N, C-alpha and C. Protein backbone atom coordinates (compact mmCIF):
# COMPACT_ATOMS: atom_id res chain seq x y z
N UNK A 1 -70.41 96.13 8.80
CA UNK A 1 -71.12 97.51 9.22
C UNK A 1 -72.12 97.96 8.13
N UNK A 2 -71.56 97.71 6.78
CA UNK A 2 -72.69 98.07 5.86
C UNK A 2 -74.09 97.48 5.97
N UNK A 3 -74.19 96.20 6.18
CA UNK A 3 -75.35 95.42 6.59
C UNK A 3 -76.21 95.98 7.60
N UNK A 4 -75.54 96.54 8.72
CA UNK A 4 -76.11 97.13 9.78
C UNK A 4 -76.96 98.40 9.51
N UNK A 5 -76.13 99.11 8.77
CA UNK A 5 -76.78 100.47 8.17
C UNK A 5 -77.76 100.35 7.24
N UNK A 6 -77.62 99.18 6.32
CA UNK A 6 -78.84 99.10 5.25
C UNK A 6 -79.97 98.48 6.10
N UNK A 7 -79.87 97.71 7.20
CA UNK A 7 -81.00 97.23 7.95
C UNK A 7 -81.54 98.26 8.61
N UNK A 8 -80.91 99.30 9.36
CA UNK A 8 -81.58 100.35 9.89
C UNK A 8 -82.31 101.28 8.91
N UNK A 9 -81.70 101.56 7.75
CA UNK A 9 -82.52 102.21 6.80
C UNK A 9 -83.72 101.46 6.39
N UNK A 10 -83.69 100.20 6.09
CA UNK A 10 -84.95 99.39 5.86
C UNK A 10 -85.96 99.33 6.78
N UNK A 11 -85.70 99.50 8.12
CA UNK A 11 -86.67 99.50 9.15
C UNK A 11 -87.17 100.59 9.09
N UNK A 12 -86.48 101.90 8.73
CA UNK A 12 -87.06 103.20 8.59
C UNK A 12 -88.04 103.34 7.66
N UNK A 13 -87.43 102.85 6.56
CA UNK A 13 -88.35 102.93 5.31
C UNK A 13 -89.56 102.25 5.28
N UNK A 14 -89.49 100.94 5.95
CA UNK A 14 -90.78 100.25 6.20
C UNK A 14 -91.82 101.02 7.09
N UNK A 15 -91.27 101.66 8.16
CA UNK A 15 -92.18 102.38 8.90
C UNK A 15 -92.95 103.57 8.10
N UNK A 16 -92.17 104.36 7.60
CA UNK A 16 -92.43 105.32 6.70
C UNK A 16 -93.48 104.95 5.59
N UNK A 17 -93.05 103.83 4.92
CA UNK A 17 -94.19 103.34 4.03
C UNK A 17 -95.46 102.89 4.61
N UNK A 18 -95.46 102.20 5.48
CA UNK A 18 -96.56 101.67 6.28
C UNK A 18 -97.61 102.94 6.54
N UNK A 19 -96.82 104.14 7.14
CA UNK A 19 -97.82 105.34 7.32
C UNK A 19 -98.39 105.81 6.11
N UNK A 20 -97.44 105.98 5.13
CA UNK A 20 -97.83 106.49 3.78
C UNK A 20 -99.07 105.43 3.17
N UNK A 21 -98.76 104.28 3.05
CA UNK A 21 -99.84 103.40 2.71
C UNK A 21 -101.19 103.41 3.20
N UNK A 22 -100.93 103.61 4.62
CA UNK A 22 -102.34 103.64 5.52
C UNK A 22 -103.14 104.87 5.23
N UNK A 23 -102.36 105.95 4.81
CA UNK A 23 -102.96 107.19 4.56
C UNK A 23 -103.77 107.16 3.22
N UNK A 24 -102.89 106.44 2.21
CA UNK A 24 -103.53 106.60 0.95
C UNK A 24 -104.85 105.37 1.04
N UNK A 25 -104.63 104.54 1.84
CA UNK A 25 -105.80 103.49 2.02
C UNK A 25 -107.13 104.15 2.53
N UNK A 26 -106.88 105.23 3.59
CA UNK A 26 -107.92 105.83 4.04
C UNK A 26 -108.67 106.66 3.04
N UNK A 27 -108.12 107.24 2.04
CA UNK A 27 -108.56 107.90 1.02
C UNK A 27 -109.04 107.19 -0.23
N UNK A 28 -108.61 106.06 -0.35
CA UNK A 28 -109.06 105.19 -1.67
C UNK A 28 -109.64 103.82 -1.04
N UNK A 29 -108.87 102.93 -1.18
CA UNK A 29 -109.28 101.62 -0.67
C UNK A 29 -108.00 100.84 -0.33
N UNK A 30 -108.19 99.64 0.20
CA UNK A 30 -107.04 98.60 0.40
C UNK A 30 -106.34 98.09 -0.71
N UNK A 31 -107.36 97.85 -1.69
CA UNK A 31 -106.71 97.19 -2.96
C UNK A 31 -106.27 98.18 -3.85
N UNK A 32 -106.66 99.49 -3.82
CA UNK A 32 -106.19 100.48 -4.63
C UNK A 32 -104.79 100.87 -4.22
N UNK A 33 -104.60 101.10 -2.75
CA UNK A 33 -103.32 101.45 -2.29
C UNK A 33 -102.41 100.18 -2.31
N UNK A 34 -102.85 99.04 -2.04
CA UNK A 34 -101.80 97.90 -2.31
C UNK A 34 -101.31 97.93 -3.86
N UNK A 35 -102.29 97.88 -4.55
CA UNK A 35 -101.87 97.90 -6.10
C UNK A 35 -101.08 98.96 -6.55
N UNK A 36 -101.34 100.10 -5.94
CA UNK A 36 -100.34 101.26 -6.36
C UNK A 36 -98.94 100.96 -5.88
N UNK A 37 -98.83 100.55 -4.56
CA UNK A 37 -97.52 100.08 -4.10
C UNK A 37 -96.77 99.23 -4.89
N UNK A 38 -97.66 98.00 -5.32
CA UNK A 38 -96.91 97.24 -6.31
C UNK A 38 -96.66 97.59 -7.29
N UNK A 39 -97.36 98.39 -8.09
CA UNK A 39 -97.16 98.93 -9.58
C UNK A 39 -95.98 99.96 -9.56
N UNK A 40 -96.23 100.70 -8.45
CA UNK A 40 -94.96 101.77 -8.44
C UNK A 40 -93.65 101.10 -8.30
N UNK A 41 -93.54 99.95 -7.35
CA UNK A 41 -92.37 99.41 -7.12
C UNK A 41 -91.89 98.57 -8.42
N UNK A 42 -92.90 97.96 -9.02
CA UNK A 42 -92.46 97.38 -10.24
C UNK A 42 -91.86 98.43 -11.25
N UNK A 43 -92.32 99.60 -11.46
CA UNK A 43 -91.92 100.62 -12.33
C UNK A 43 -90.64 100.99 -11.96
N UNK A 44 -90.26 101.41 -10.59
CA UNK A 44 -88.85 101.67 -10.06
C UNK A 44 -87.78 100.61 -10.46
N UNK A 45 -88.35 99.36 -10.12
CA UNK A 45 -87.57 98.10 -10.62
C UNK A 45 -87.28 98.04 -12.02
N UNK A 46 -88.22 98.37 -12.94
CA UNK A 46 -87.88 98.35 -14.56
C UNK A 46 -86.98 99.46 -14.68
N UNK A 47 -87.20 100.71 -14.28
CA UNK A 47 -86.17 101.64 -14.43
C UNK A 47 -84.84 101.34 -14.04
N UNK A 48 -84.76 100.83 -12.95
CA UNK A 48 -83.33 100.50 -12.19
C UNK A 48 -82.79 99.45 -13.25
N UNK A 49 -83.38 98.48 -13.70
CA UNK A 49 -83.14 97.42 -14.50
C UNK A 49 -82.51 97.98 -15.96
N UNK A 50 -83.31 99.09 -16.55
CA UNK A 50 -83.03 99.68 -17.60
C UNK A 50 -81.61 100.47 -17.55
N UNK A 51 -81.24 101.00 -16.39
CA UNK A 51 -80.15 101.75 -16.11
C UNK A 51 -78.86 101.11 -15.62
N UNK A 52 -79.20 99.95 -15.20
CA UNK A 52 -78.03 99.12 -14.77
C UNK A 52 -77.59 97.77 -15.69
N UNK A 53 -77.25 96.94 -15.09
CA UNK A 53 -76.62 95.70 -15.84
C UNK A 53 -77.36 95.09 -16.73
N UNK A 54 -78.78 94.99 -16.61
CA UNK A 54 -79.83 94.44 -17.71
C UNK A 54 -79.57 93.00 -17.63
N UNK A 55 -79.67 92.56 -16.62
CA UNK A 55 -79.47 91.00 -16.63
C UNK A 55 -80.60 90.43 -17.23
N UNK A 56 -80.55 89.18 -17.79
CA UNK A 56 -81.61 88.46 -18.61
C UNK A 56 -82.56 88.26 -17.68
N UNK A 57 -84.00 88.71 -18.05
CA UNK A 57 -85.25 88.30 -17.34
C UNK A 57 -85.37 86.69 -17.27
N UNK A 58 -85.02 86.17 -18.46
CA UNK A 58 -85.14 84.72 -18.74
C UNK A 58 -84.66 83.92 -17.27
N UNK A 59 -83.30 84.88 -16.95
CA UNK A 59 -82.90 84.04 -15.73
C UNK A 59 -83.83 83.70 -14.49
N UNK A 60 -84.93 84.20 -14.36
CA UNK A 60 -85.95 83.98 -13.39
C UNK A 60 -86.26 82.33 -13.69
N UNK A 61 -86.37 82.07 -14.74
CA UNK A 61 -86.93 80.51 -14.96
C UNK A 61 -85.67 79.66 -14.56
N UNK A 62 -84.60 79.85 -14.43
CA UNK A 62 -83.38 79.37 -14.09
C UNK A 62 -83.08 78.90 -12.59
N UNK A 63 -84.28 79.79 -11.89
CA UNK A 63 -84.03 79.73 -10.36
C UNK A 63 -84.36 78.31 -10.14
N UNK A 64 -83.47 77.60 -9.11
CA UNK A 64 -83.76 76.26 -8.63
C UNK A 64 -84.93 76.11 -7.87
N UNK A 65 -85.25 76.78 -6.90
CA UNK A 65 -86.57 76.50 -6.17
C UNK A 65 -87.65 77.58 -6.63
N UNK A 66 -88.42 77.05 -7.53
CA UNK A 66 -89.46 77.74 -8.15
C UNK A 66 -90.44 78.59 -6.97
N UNK A 67 -90.58 77.83 -5.75
CA UNK A 67 -91.40 78.47 -4.88
C UNK A 67 -90.81 79.81 -4.41
N UNK A 68 -89.52 80.14 -4.47
CA UNK A 68 -89.03 81.30 -4.11
C UNK A 68 -89.45 82.48 -4.95
N UNK A 69 -90.11 82.25 -6.15
CA UNK A 69 -90.39 83.12 -7.05
C UNK A 69 -91.82 83.93 -6.45
N UNK A 70 -92.21 83.27 -5.49
CA UNK A 70 -93.64 83.83 -4.77
C UNK A 70 -93.38 84.99 -3.88
N UNK A 71 -91.97 85.49 -3.84
CA UNK A 71 -91.58 86.62 -2.99
C UNK A 71 -92.53 87.72 -3.17
N UNK A 72 -92.99 88.05 -4.53
CA UNK A 72 -93.72 89.00 -4.86
C UNK A 72 -95.14 88.91 -4.30
N UNK A 73 -95.61 87.82 -4.48
CA UNK A 73 -97.01 87.55 -3.91
C UNK A 73 -96.97 87.74 -2.45
N UNK A 74 -95.92 87.20 -1.68
CA UNK A 74 -95.85 87.56 -0.35
C UNK A 74 -95.72 89.12 -0.15
N UNK A 75 -95.00 89.82 -0.88
CA UNK A 75 -95.00 91.14 -0.78
C UNK A 75 -96.31 91.86 -0.88
N UNK A 76 -97.07 91.37 -1.58
CA UNK A 76 -98.45 92.10 -1.77
C UNK A 76 -99.28 91.87 -0.46
N UNK A 77 -99.04 90.61 0.01
CA UNK A 77 -99.58 90.38 1.34
C UNK A 77 -98.98 91.06 2.65
N UNK A 78 -97.71 91.38 2.44
CA UNK A 78 -97.11 92.14 3.41
C UNK A 78 -97.74 93.73 3.52
N UNK A 79 -97.86 94.13 2.10
CA UNK A 79 -98.53 95.35 2.17
C UNK A 79 -99.68 95.56 2.92
N UNK A 80 -100.74 94.56 2.45
CA UNK A 80 -102.01 94.58 2.88
C UNK A 80 -102.01 94.36 4.37
N UNK A 81 -101.18 93.53 5.02
CA UNK A 81 -101.25 93.47 6.49
C UNK A 81 -100.54 94.54 7.32
N UNK A 82 -99.53 95.26 6.79
CA UNK A 82 -98.95 96.22 7.16
C UNK A 82 -99.93 97.54 7.23
N UNK A 83 -100.70 97.78 6.19
CA UNK A 83 -101.68 98.71 6.23
C UNK A 83 -102.79 98.56 7.22
N UNK A 84 -103.22 97.39 7.28
CA UNK A 84 -104.34 97.06 8.14
C UNK A 84 -103.70 96.92 9.62
N UNK A 85 -102.63 96.68 9.74
CA UNK A 85 -102.29 96.77 11.26
C UNK A 85 -101.84 98.17 11.81
N UNK A 86 -101.33 98.84 10.94
CA UNK A 86 -100.93 100.24 11.04
C UNK A 86 -102.30 100.95 11.56
N UNK A 87 -103.35 100.89 10.64
CA UNK A 87 -104.65 101.58 10.70
C UNK A 87 -105.30 101.19 12.05
N UNK A 88 -105.26 99.77 12.50
CA UNK A 88 -105.96 99.59 13.65
C UNK A 88 -104.89 99.60 14.92
N UNK A 89 -103.83 99.71 14.83
CA UNK A 89 -102.97 99.59 16.03
C UNK A 89 -102.07 100.99 16.15
N UNK A 90 -101.98 101.64 15.06
CA UNK A 90 -101.11 102.75 14.91
C UNK A 90 -99.65 102.50 14.76
N UNK A 91 -98.76 103.41 14.12
CA UNK A 91 -97.43 102.88 13.49
C UNK A 91 -96.51 102.35 14.57
N UNK A 92 -96.32 102.84 15.95
CA UNK A 92 -95.41 102.19 16.80
C UNK A 92 -95.80 100.98 17.30
N UNK A 93 -97.04 100.72 17.60
CA UNK A 93 -97.51 99.29 18.13
C UNK A 93 -97.27 98.31 16.94
N UNK A 94 -97.81 98.65 15.82
CA UNK A 94 -97.89 97.71 14.77
C UNK A 94 -96.31 97.31 14.29
N UNK A 95 -95.45 98.41 14.35
CA UNK A 95 -94.16 98.10 13.89
C UNK A 95 -93.37 97.14 14.90
N UNK A 96 -93.78 97.38 16.16
CA UNK A 96 -93.07 96.54 17.27
C UNK A 96 -93.67 95.02 16.94
N UNK A 97 -94.71 94.88 16.69
CA UNK A 97 -95.42 93.64 16.62
C UNK A 97 -94.96 92.63 15.31
N UNK A 98 -94.65 93.58 14.31
CA UNK A 98 -94.33 93.13 13.03
C UNK A 98 -92.72 92.76 13.15
N UNK A 99 -92.09 93.50 13.87
CA UNK A 99 -90.67 93.11 14.25
C UNK A 99 -90.61 91.75 14.92
N UNK A 100 -91.33 91.76 16.01
CA UNK A 100 -91.29 90.49 16.74
C UNK A 100 -91.61 89.21 16.15
N UNK A 101 -92.63 89.36 15.27
CA UNK A 101 -93.06 88.31 14.38
C UNK A 101 -92.17 88.08 13.41
N UNK A 102 -91.25 88.91 12.69
CA UNK A 102 -90.38 88.75 11.85
C UNK A 102 -89.17 87.93 12.59
N UNK A 103 -88.69 88.48 13.83
CA UNK A 103 -87.88 87.84 14.57
C UNK A 103 -87.99 86.24 14.82
N UNK A 104 -89.11 86.29 15.27
CA UNK A 104 -89.64 84.74 15.71
C UNK A 104 -89.73 83.85 14.47
N UNK A 105 -90.14 84.32 13.55
CA UNK A 105 -90.32 83.67 12.35
C UNK A 105 -88.95 83.25 11.51
N UNK A 106 -88.07 84.22 11.63
CA UNK A 106 -86.63 83.97 11.09
C UNK A 106 -85.94 82.89 11.99
N UNK A 107 -86.12 83.11 13.13
CA UNK A 107 -85.43 82.14 14.13
C UNK A 107 -85.89 80.65 13.86
N UNK A 108 -87.28 80.49 13.72
CA UNK A 108 -87.68 79.11 13.37
C UNK A 108 -87.13 78.79 11.92
N UNK A 109 -86.97 79.66 11.15
CA UNK A 109 -86.46 79.21 9.81
C UNK A 109 -85.09 78.75 10.01
N UNK A 110 -84.31 79.62 10.66
CA UNK A 110 -82.83 79.13 11.02
C UNK A 110 -82.91 77.82 11.77
N UNK A 111 -83.59 77.62 12.72
CA UNK A 111 -83.54 76.33 13.65
C UNK A 111 -83.94 75.19 12.67
N UNK A 112 -84.90 75.33 11.82
CA UNK A 112 -85.26 74.16 10.97
C UNK A 112 -84.45 74.09 9.54
N UNK A 113 -83.69 75.25 9.19
CA UNK A 113 -83.06 75.18 8.04
C UNK A 113 -84.11 75.23 6.71
N UNK A 114 -85.07 76.13 6.90
CA UNK A 114 -85.96 75.94 5.83
C UNK A 114 -85.56 76.87 4.74
N UNK A 115 -86.15 76.70 3.59
CA UNK A 115 -86.03 77.38 2.26
C UNK A 115 -84.40 77.68 1.95
N UNK A 116 -83.53 76.69 2.37
CA UNK A 116 -82.27 76.74 1.88
C UNK A 116 -81.28 77.46 2.83
N UNK A 117 -81.78 77.99 3.81
CA UNK A 117 -80.98 78.53 4.98
C UNK A 117 -80.46 77.66 5.77
N UNK A 118 -78.93 77.87 6.00
CA UNK A 118 -78.38 76.89 6.64
C UNK A 118 -78.83 76.64 8.07
N UNK A 119 -78.93 75.38 8.27
CA UNK A 119 -79.64 75.09 9.89
C UNK A 119 -78.56 75.69 10.86
N UNK A 120 -79.23 76.24 11.90
CA UNK A 120 -78.64 76.98 13.02
C UNK A 120 -78.98 75.85 14.47
N UNK A 121 -78.11 75.74 15.37
CA UNK A 121 -78.31 75.00 16.59
C UNK A 121 -79.26 76.07 17.52
N UNK A 122 -80.02 75.32 18.26
CA UNK A 122 -80.93 76.23 19.27
C UNK A 122 -80.12 76.74 20.15
N UNK A 123 -80.33 78.17 20.53
CA UNK A 123 -79.52 78.80 21.60
C UNK A 123 -80.69 79.63 22.53
N UNK A 124 -80.39 79.21 24.01
CA UNK A 124 -81.46 79.92 24.72
C UNK A 124 -81.12 81.41 24.73
N UNK A 125 -79.98 81.85 24.56
CA UNK A 125 -79.86 83.24 24.58
C UNK A 125 -80.63 83.97 23.57
N UNK A 126 -80.90 83.38 22.42
CA UNK A 126 -81.70 84.14 21.24
C UNK A 126 -83.04 83.91 21.60
N UNK A 127 -83.48 82.91 22.50
CA UNK A 127 -85.05 82.68 22.87
C UNK A 127 -85.12 83.94 23.96
N UNK A 128 -84.30 84.02 24.83
CA UNK A 128 -84.22 84.93 25.79
C UNK A 128 -84.06 86.55 25.39
N UNK A 129 -83.57 86.75 24.19
CA UNK A 129 -83.41 88.09 23.35
C UNK A 129 -84.84 88.24 22.85
N UNK A 130 -85.54 87.24 22.31
CA UNK A 130 -86.81 87.27 21.79
C UNK A 130 -87.83 87.76 22.73
N UNK A 131 -87.66 87.26 24.05
CA UNK A 131 -88.57 87.38 25.38
C UNK A 131 -88.36 88.95 25.82
N UNK A 132 -86.99 89.15 25.63
CA UNK A 132 -86.77 90.64 26.37
C UNK A 132 -87.46 91.55 25.19
N UNK A 133 -87.23 91.43 23.75
CA UNK A 133 -87.80 92.15 22.96
C UNK A 133 -89.49 92.08 23.18
N UNK A 134 -90.12 91.15 23.65
CA UNK A 134 -91.42 91.29 23.87
C UNK A 134 -91.79 91.93 25.11
N UNK A 135 -91.01 91.82 25.87
CA UNK A 135 -91.07 92.68 27.21
C UNK A 135 -91.00 93.98 26.92
N UNK A 136 -90.18 94.43 25.96
CA UNK A 136 -89.85 95.72 25.78
C UNK A 136 -91.30 96.27 25.05
N UNK A 137 -91.94 95.49 24.42
CA UNK A 137 -93.13 96.05 23.74
C UNK A 137 -94.22 96.32 25.00
N UNK A 138 -94.22 95.51 26.01
CA UNK A 138 -95.25 95.62 27.04
C UNK A 138 -94.77 96.90 27.70
N UNK A 139 -93.52 97.07 27.93
CA UNK A 139 -93.13 98.20 28.61
C UNK A 139 -93.31 99.35 27.79
N UNK A 140 -93.01 99.47 26.49
CA UNK A 140 -93.30 100.63 25.74
C UNK A 140 -94.81 101.12 25.51
N UNK A 141 -95.62 100.21 25.50
CA UNK A 141 -97.07 100.51 25.37
C UNK A 141 -98.04 100.44 26.79
N UNK A 142 -97.10 100.21 27.88
CA UNK A 142 -97.66 100.20 29.42
C UNK A 142 -98.73 101.41 29.62
N UNK A 143 -99.87 101.31 29.84
CA UNK A 143 -100.49 102.39 30.14
C UNK A 143 -100.91 102.45 31.59
N UNK A 144 -100.72 103.45 32.33
CA UNK A 144 -101.07 103.76 33.76
C UNK A 144 -102.54 103.41 34.00
């Protein structure tokens, strides 16, 4: 149940953040907005680290698959693409397409067992679920 609640909060926060970042971009630039997002996120993480367990930062160099340390780099590109898509499509349409893309890529990662994720068998019902979600986007944005 906790994971369900956290996922819902995450989705809500991502939508709000996308709108905020798009507005900052309109008044500054894409790079200023993205930089601010990454810098402020770093500051929050440093403060949280100072007030919690203070695990050793050196543990980062003990991570088995070093490519996974690129998550922050990917995060910067996520911020950039969310800002651009929300500016071009509006929050609802962009969020729907982002979620469909996340779902499709996550399913491929599971099917192939990529990046250390347990490999899952192909299931038609999951493909049907993805197609229903895509149909939902079409219905949601259908114009008379």
